[in-house]
């Protein structure tokens, strides 16, 4: 079973929100790499608004983790792509609501666009167990 250990040395600035600066994985028997998820539900409906799209993307990630016998605590690294800077606070609210206390390492980028212009966010992830 994998053990995840957070690294936050005093010699670097602390995280700007709730995520880990580094996550060490030991004893992992399985790795799961998740393709980018967007705010589309299983019926193919795009959620309305940035926060709803972000929350749906996280719910899609949790569903994939669950299908592999994992949960948010198995997340090692996430990469987030937002198309609008004004959605940063919405991203953080949705992340905190859905992930609970999980704090994977994280990168967040603002991009000019995603594969579908209606998509406002995409989240990819790596998990270990």
Protein backbone atom coordinates (compact mmCIF):
# COMPACT_ATOMS: atom_id res chain seq x y z
CA UNK A 1 0.00 0.00 0.00
CA UNK A 2 1.32 3.43 -0.94
CA UNK A 3 2.25 5.96 1.68
CA UNK A 4 2.03 9.62 0.71
CA UNK A 5 4.18 12.08 2.64
CA UNK A 6 3.82 15.83 2.27
CA UNK A 7 6.97 17.93 1.97
CA UNK A 8 6.90 21.63 2.90
CA UNK A 9 10.41 22.77 3.89
CA UNK A 10 10.73 26.06 5.75
CA UNK A 11 13.27 27.16 3.13
CA UNK A 12 10.57 27.73 0.46
CA UNK A 13 7.37 29.81 0.57
CA UNK A 14 4.28 27.99 1.86
CA UNK A 15 1.47 27.01 -0.54
CA UNK A 16 -0.79 29.83 -1.70
CA UNK A 17 -3.90 27.76 -0.98
CA UNK A 18 -4.67 24.17 0.07
CA UNK A 19 -2.24 21.90 -1.76
CA UNK A 20 1.11 20.27 -1.03
CA UNK A 21 4.42 21.62 -2.26
CA UNK A 22 5.66 18.08 -2.73
CA UNK A 23 4.24 14.61 -2.23
CA UNK A 24 6.57 11.65 -1.76
CA UNK A 25 5.18 8.24 -2.69
CA UNK A 26 6.64 5.08 -1.17
CA UNK A 27 5.45 1.50 -1.41
CA UNK A 28 3.11 2.14 -4.34
CA UNK A 29 1.89 -1.00 -6.02
CA UNK A 30 -0.35 0.82 -8.48
CA UNK A 31 -0.32 4.17 -10.27
CA UNK A 32 -3.35 5.67 -11.99
CA UNK A 33 -2.93 8.46 -14.54
CA UNK A 34 -6.16 10.29 -15.26
CA UNK A 35 -6.80 12.12 -18.49
CA UNK A 36 -8.03 15.68 -18.22
CA UNK A 37 -11.61 15.89 -16.99
CA UNK A 38 -14.04 18.68 -17.83
CA UNK A 39 -17.43 19.76 -16.51
CA UNK A 40 -19.52 17.29 -18.51
CA UNK A 41 -21.71 14.81 -16.62
CA UNK A 42 -22.25 11.14 -17.60
CA UNK A 43 -25.28 12.13 -19.72
CA UNK A 44 -23.07 14.45 -21.77
CA UNK A 45 -24.46 17.67 -20.33
CA UNK A 46 -22.05 20.54 -19.73
CA UNK A 47 -22.57 22.18 -16.32
CA UNK A 48 -23.51 25.85 -16.36
CA UNK A 49 -20.90 28.28 -15.10
CA UNK A 50 -17.29 27.89 -14.08
CA UNK A 51 -17.78 26.65 -10.52
CA UNK A 52 -20.30 24.02 -11.60
CA UNK A 53 -18.00 22.86 -14.42
CA UNK A 54 -15.04 22.63 -12.04
CA UNK A 55 -17.05 20.69 -9.47
CA UNK A 56 -18.26 18.27 -12.15
CA UNK A 57 -14.69 17.76 -13.36
CA UNK A 58 -13.67 16.89 -9.78
CA UNK A 59 -16.65 14.54 -9.46
CA UNK A 60 -15.56 12.81 -12.67
CA UNK A 61 -12.07 12.40 -11.19
CA UNK A 62 -13.50 10.94 -7.98
CA UNK A 63 -15.61 8.50 -10.02
CA UNK A 64 -12.54 7.31 -11.93
CA UNK A 65 -10.61 6.96 -8.67
CA UNK A 66 -13.49 4.97 -7.17
CA UNK A 67 -13.55 2.66 -10.19
CA UNK A 68 -9.90 1.87 -9.40
CA UNK A 69 -10.57 1.33 -5.69
CA UNK A 70 -9.06 4.69 -4.77
CA UNK A 71 -10.27 8.02 -3.41
CA UNK A 72 -9.11 11.63 -3.13
CA UNK A 73 -6.49 10.68 -0.54
CA UNK A 74 -4.69 8.69 -3.26
CA UNK A 75 -4.17 11.79 -5.41
CA UNK A 76 -0.48 12.59 -5.78
CA UNK A 77 -0.52 15.40 -8.37
CA UNK A 78 -3.13 17.45 -10.19
CA UNK A 79 -2.75 19.90 -13.04
CA UNK A 80 -5.53 22.41 -13.54
CA UNK A 81 -6.21 24.45 -16.66
CA UNK A 82 -8.53 27.45 -16.37
CA UNK A 83 -9.48 29.66 -19.30
CA UNK A 84 -10.37 32.72 -17.20
CA UNK A 85 -8.45 34.27 -14.31
CA UNK A 86 -11.67 35.38 -12.65
CA UNK A 87 -12.54 31.71 -12.01
CA UNK A 88 -9.64 31.10 -9.60
CA UNK A 89 -11.74 31.64 -6.45
CA UNK A 90 -14.48 29.39 -7.88
CA UNK A 91 -11.86 26.73 -8.56
CA UNK A 92 -10.60 26.84 -4.98
CA UNK A 93 -14.12 26.66 -3.53
CA UNK A 94 -15.07 23.66 -5.69
CA UNK A 95 -11.77 21.89 -5.00
CA UNK A 96 -12.07 22.35 -1.25
CA UNK A 97 -15.72 21.23 -1.26
CA UNK A 98 -15.07 18.07 -3.26
CA UNK A 99 -11.59 17.01 -2.09
CA UNK A 100 -12.09 17.57 1.63
CA UNK A 101 -8.72 17.32 3.36
CA UNK A 102 -6.77 15.77 0.45
CA UNK A 103 -3.79 17.95 -0.53
CA UNK A 104 -2.10 16.60 -3.67
CA UNK A 105 0.77 18.49 -5.26
CA UNK A 106 -0.77 20.92 -7.72
CA UNK A 107 -0.08 23.17 -10.68
CA UNK A 108 -2.59 25.64 -12.08
CA UNK A 109 -2.32 27.28 -15.48
CA UNK A 110 -4.40 29.89 -17.26
CA UNK A 111 -4.75 28.93 -20.91
CA UNK A 112 -6.20 30.58 -24.00
CA UNK A 113 -8.70 27.79 -24.52
CA UNK A 114 -9.52 24.09 -24.31
CA UNK A 115 -10.64 21.56 -26.95
CA UNK A 116 -14.23 22.87 -26.77
CA UNK A 117 -14.62 26.65 -26.37
CA UNK A 118 -17.51 26.11 -23.93
CA UNK A 119 -15.23 24.30 -21.47
CA UNK A 120 -13.91 26.68 -18.81
CA UNK A 121 -11.72 24.21 -16.90
CA UNK A 122 -9.90 20.92 -17.27
CA UNK A 123 -8.24 18.91 -14.50
CA UNK A 124 -5.82 16.01 -14.94
CA UNK A 125 -4.49 13.90 -12.10
CA UNK A 126 -2.09 11.19 -10.95
CA UNK A 127 -2.94 8.83 -8.10
CA UNK A 128 -1.05 6.02 -6.36
CA UNK A 129 -1.94 3.13 -4.11
